[in-house]
């Protein structure tokens, strides 16, 4: 009973949405989108955020690695492995953040 209801509901919804797509009209933006405040502001925002991320990620990762090394020095054998893993995660995360922000800067550079 429930399977039949779900099947019919899914079928009716797919028919409804396909009718909407067939009867829809295209809308085009008028004017220059590239020069709008929204686009230029978004470009500047992403550029500033990625620049700050490239600066802050290594600094924060360095501080975390120092903290993790201090904690590792006071830990026993089992905890030493956990702190080693945390150091590796901090390094990999730093590399990922810097590469990601550099990639975004390169992509945004093509739109200027």
C-alpha atoms as a PDB file:
ATOM      1  CA  UNK A   1       0.000   0.000   0.000  1.00  0.00           C
ATOM      2  CA  UNK A   2       2.751   2.455   0.987  1.00  0.00           C
ATOM      3  CA  UNK A   3       4.943   1.454  -1.961  1.00  0.00           C
ATOM      4  CA  UNK A   4       2.076   2.083  -4.358  1.00  0.00           C
ATOM      5  CA  UNK A   5       1.459   5.522  -2.819  1.00  0.00           C
ATOM      6  CA  UNK A   6       5.136   6.477  -3.072  1.00  0.00           C
ATOM      7  CA  UNK A   7       5.268   5.223  -6.663  1.00  0.00           C
ATOM      8  CA  UNK A   8       2.209   7.273  -7.681  1.00  0.00           C
ATOM      9  CA  UNK A   9       3.452  10.337  -5.837  1.00  0.00           C
ATOM     10  CA  UNK A  10       6.834  10.097  -7.557  1.00  0.00           C
ATOM     11  CA  UNK A  11       5.192   9.605 -10.942  1.00  0.00           C
ATOM     12  CA  UNK A  12       2.853  12.571 -10.463  1.00  0.00           C
ATOM     13  CA  UNK A  13       5.679  14.823  -9.265  1.00  0.00           C
ATOM     14  CA  UNK A  14       7.870  13.905 -12.243  1.00  0.00           C
ATOM     15  CA  UNK A  15       5.001  14.616 -14.651  1.00  0.00           C
ATOM     16  CA  UNK A  16       4.328  17.943 -12.926  1.00  0.00           C
ATOM     17  CA  UNK A  17       7.953  19.087 -13.079  1.00  0.00           C
ATOM     18  CA  UNK A  18       8.380  17.965 -16.681  1.00  0.00           C
ATOM     19  CA  UNK A  19       5.309  20.031 -17.625  1.00  0.00           C
ATOM     20  CA  UNK A  20       6.834  23.022 -15.859  1.00  0.00           C
ATOM     21  CA  UNK A  21      10.068  22.613 -17.781  1.00  0.00           C
ATOM     22  CA  UNK A  22       8.305  22.284 -21.122  1.00  0.00           C
ATOM     23  CA  UNK A  23       6.117  25.349 -20.575  1.00  0.00           C
ATOM     24  CA  UNK A  24       8.804  27.582 -19.061  1.00  0.00           C
ATOM     25  CA  UNK A  25      10.069  30.682 -20.816  1.00  0.00           C
ATOM     26  CA  UNK A  26      13.694  31.715 -20.986  1.00  0.00           C
ATOM     27  CA  UNK A  27      14.758  34.867 -19.194  1.00  0.00           C
ATOM     28  CA  UNK A  28      17.860  36.806 -20.097  1.00  0.00           C
ATOM     29  CA  UNK A  29      19.628  39.463 -18.066  1.00  0.00           C
ATOM     30  CA  UNK A  30      19.778  42.903 -19.525  1.00  0.00           C
ATOM     31  CA  UNK A  31      22.850  45.037 -19.242  1.00  0.00           C
ATOM     32  CA  UNK A  32      26.409  44.242 -18.358  1.00  0.00           C
ATOM     33  CA  UNK A  33      26.618  41.604 -15.616  1.00  0.00           C
ATOM     34  CA  UNK A  34      30.408  41.746 -15.487  1.00  0.00           C
ATOM     35  CA  UNK A  35      30.365  45.364 -14.422  1.00  0.00           C
ATOM     36  CA  UNK A  36      27.663  44.978 -11.759  1.00  0.00           C
ATOM     37  CA  UNK A  37      28.413  45.677  -8.118  1.00  0.00           C
ATOM     38  CA  UNK A  38      27.530  42.127  -7.139  1.00  0.00           C
ATOM     39  CA  UNK A  39      30.066  40.528  -9.463  1.00  0.00           C
ATOM     40  CA  UNK A  40      32.895  42.981  -8.838  1.00  0.00           C
ATOM     41  CA  UNK A  41      32.281  42.903  -5.085  1.00  0.00           C
ATOM     42  CA  UNK A  42      32.253  39.114  -5.055  1.00  0.00           C
ATOM     43  CA  UNK A  43      35.504  39.010  -7.010  1.00  0.00           C
ATOM     44  CA  UNK A  44      37.146  41.401  -4.556  1.00  0.00           C
ATOM     45  CA  UNK A  45      35.777  39.493  -1.560  1.00  0.00           C
ATOM     46  CA  UNK A  46      37.055  36.137  -2.816  1.00  0.00           C
ATOM     47  CA  UNK A  47      40.415  37.693  -3.697  1.00  0.00           C
ATOM     48  CA  UNK A  48      40.791  39.216  -0.229  1.00  0.00           C
ATOM     49  CA  UNK A  49      39.679  36.048   1.567  1.00  0.00           C
ATOM     50  CA  UNK A  50      42.065  33.851  -0.394  1.00  0.00           C
ATOM     51  CA  UNK A  51      44.934  36.263   0.216  1.00  0.00           C
ATOM     52  CA  UNK A  52      44.277  36.254   3.960  1.00  0.00           C
ATOM     53  CA  UNK A  53      43.901  32.470   3.909  1.00  0.00           C
ATOM     54  CA  UNK A  54      47.310  32.106   2.272  1.00  0.00           C
ATOM     55  CA  UNK A  55      48.783  34.202   5.091  1.00  0.00           C
ATOM     56  CA  UNK A  56      46.836  32.839   8.059  1.00  0.00           C
ATOM     57  CA  UNK A  57      46.881  29.112   7.221  1.00  0.00           C
ATOM     58  CA  UNK A  58      50.665  28.635   7.655  1.00  0.00           C
ATOM     59  CA  UNK A  59      50.725  30.833  10.785  1.00  0.00           C
ATOM     60  CA  UNK A  60      47.895  28.923  12.477  1.00  0.00           C
ATOM     61  CA  UNK A  61      49.321  25.577  11.365  1.00  0.00           C
ATOM     62  CA  UNK A  62      52.734  26.531  12.746  1.00  0.00           C
ATOM     63  CA  UNK A  63      51.232  27.475  16.109  1.00  0.00           C
ATOM     64  CA  UNK A  64      49.247  24.238  16.219  1.00  0.00           C
ATOM     65  CA  UNK A  65      52.315  22.174  15.356  1.00  0.00           C
ATOM     66  CA  UNK A  66      54.275  23.848  18.160  1.00  0.00           C
ATOM     67  CA  UNK A  67      51.424  23.136  20.582  1.00  0.00           C
ATOM     68  CA  UNK A  68      51.143  19.527  19.394  1.00  0.00           C
ATOM     69  CA  UNK A  69      54.898  19.011  19.798  1.00  0.00           C
ATOM     70  CA  UNK A  70      54.772  20.325  23.354  1.00  0.00           C
ATOM     71  CA  UNK A  71      51.871  18.018  24.162  1.00  0.00           C
ATOM     72  CA  UNK A  72      53.640  15.092  22.474  1.00  0.00           C
ATOM     73  CA  UNK A  73      56.729  15.599  24.606  1.00  0.00           C
ATOM     74  CA  UNK A  74      54.648  15.159  27.786  1.00  0.00           C
ATOM     75  CA  UNK A  75      52.628  12.175  26.524  1.00  0.00           C
ATOM     76  CA  UNK A  76      53.086   8.441  26.975  1.00  0.00           C
ATOM     77  CA  UNK A  77      53.563   5.973  24.082  1.00  0.00           C
ATOM     78  CA  UNK A  78      49.899   5.646  23.115  1.00  0.00           C
ATOM     79  CA  UNK A  79      49.254   9.372  23.215  1.00  0.00           C
ATOM     80  CA  UNK A  80      52.456  10.084  21.297  1.00  0.00           C
ATOM     81  CA  UNK A  81      50.975   8.325  18.256  1.00  0.00           C
ATOM     82  CA  UNK A  82      47.838  10.476  18.474  1.00  0.00           C
ATOM     83  CA  UNK A  83      49.878  13.681  18.688  1.00  0.00           C
ATOM     84  CA  UNK A  84      52.022  12.550  15.730  1.00  0.00           C
ATOM     85  CA  UNK A  85      48.838  12.016  13.710  1.00  0.00           C
ATOM     86  CA  UNK A  86      47.578  15.457  14.713  1.00  0.00           C
ATOM     87  CA  UNK A  87      50.854  17.027  13.561  1.00  0.00           C
ATOM     88  CA  UNK A  88      50.539  15.297  10.186  1.00  0.00           C
ATOM     89  CA  UNK A  89      46.908  16.439   9.856  1.00  0.00           C
ATOM     90  CA  UNK A  90      47.934  20.024  10.631  1.00  0.00           C
ATOM     91  CA  UNK A  91      50.633  19.936   7.949  1.00  0.00           C
ATOM     92  CA  UNK A  92      48.349  18.405   5.313  1.00  0.00           C
ATOM     93  CA  UNK A  93      45.543  20.846   6.171  1.00  0.00           C
ATOM     94  CA  UNK A  94      47.919  23.778   5.820  1.00  0.00           C
ATOM     95  CA  UNK A  95      49.081  22.563   2.423  1.00  0.00           C
ATOM     96  CA  UNK A  96      45.462  22.018   1.329  1.00  0.00           C
ATOM     97  CA  UNK A  97      44.378  25.487   2.463  1.00  0.00           C
ATOM     98  CA  UNK A  98      47.266  27.219   0.718  1.00  0.00           C
ATOM     99  CA  UNK A  99      46.822  25.243  -2.511  1.00  0.00           C
ATOM    100  CA  UNK A 100      43.067  25.793  -2.472  1.00  0.00           C
ATOM    101  CA  UNK A 101      43.373  29.544  -1.997  1.00  0.00           C
ATOM    102  CA  UNK A 102      46.103  29.782  -4.633  1.00  0.00           C
ATOM    103  CA  UNK A 103      43.890  27.877  -7.066  1.00  0.00           C
ATOM    104  CA  UNK A 104      41.009  30.263  -6.403  1.00  0.00           C
ATOM    105  CA  UNK A 105      43.319  33.229  -6.958  1.00  0.00           C
ATOM    106  CA  UNK A 106      44.431  31.783 -10.286  1.00  0.00           C
ATOM    107  CA  UNK A 107      40.845  31.124 -11.383  1.00  0.00           C
ATOM    108  CA  UNK A 108      39.729  34.623 -10.424  1.00  0.00           C
ATOM    109  CA  UNK A 109      42.769  36.050 -12.225  1.00  0.00           C
ATOM    110  CA  UNK A 110      41.374  34.762 -15.505  1.00  0.00           C
ATOM    111  CA  UNK A 111      38.175  36.779 -15.074  1.00  0.00           C
ATOM    112  CA  UNK A 112      39.920  40.113 -14.655  1.00  0.00           C
END
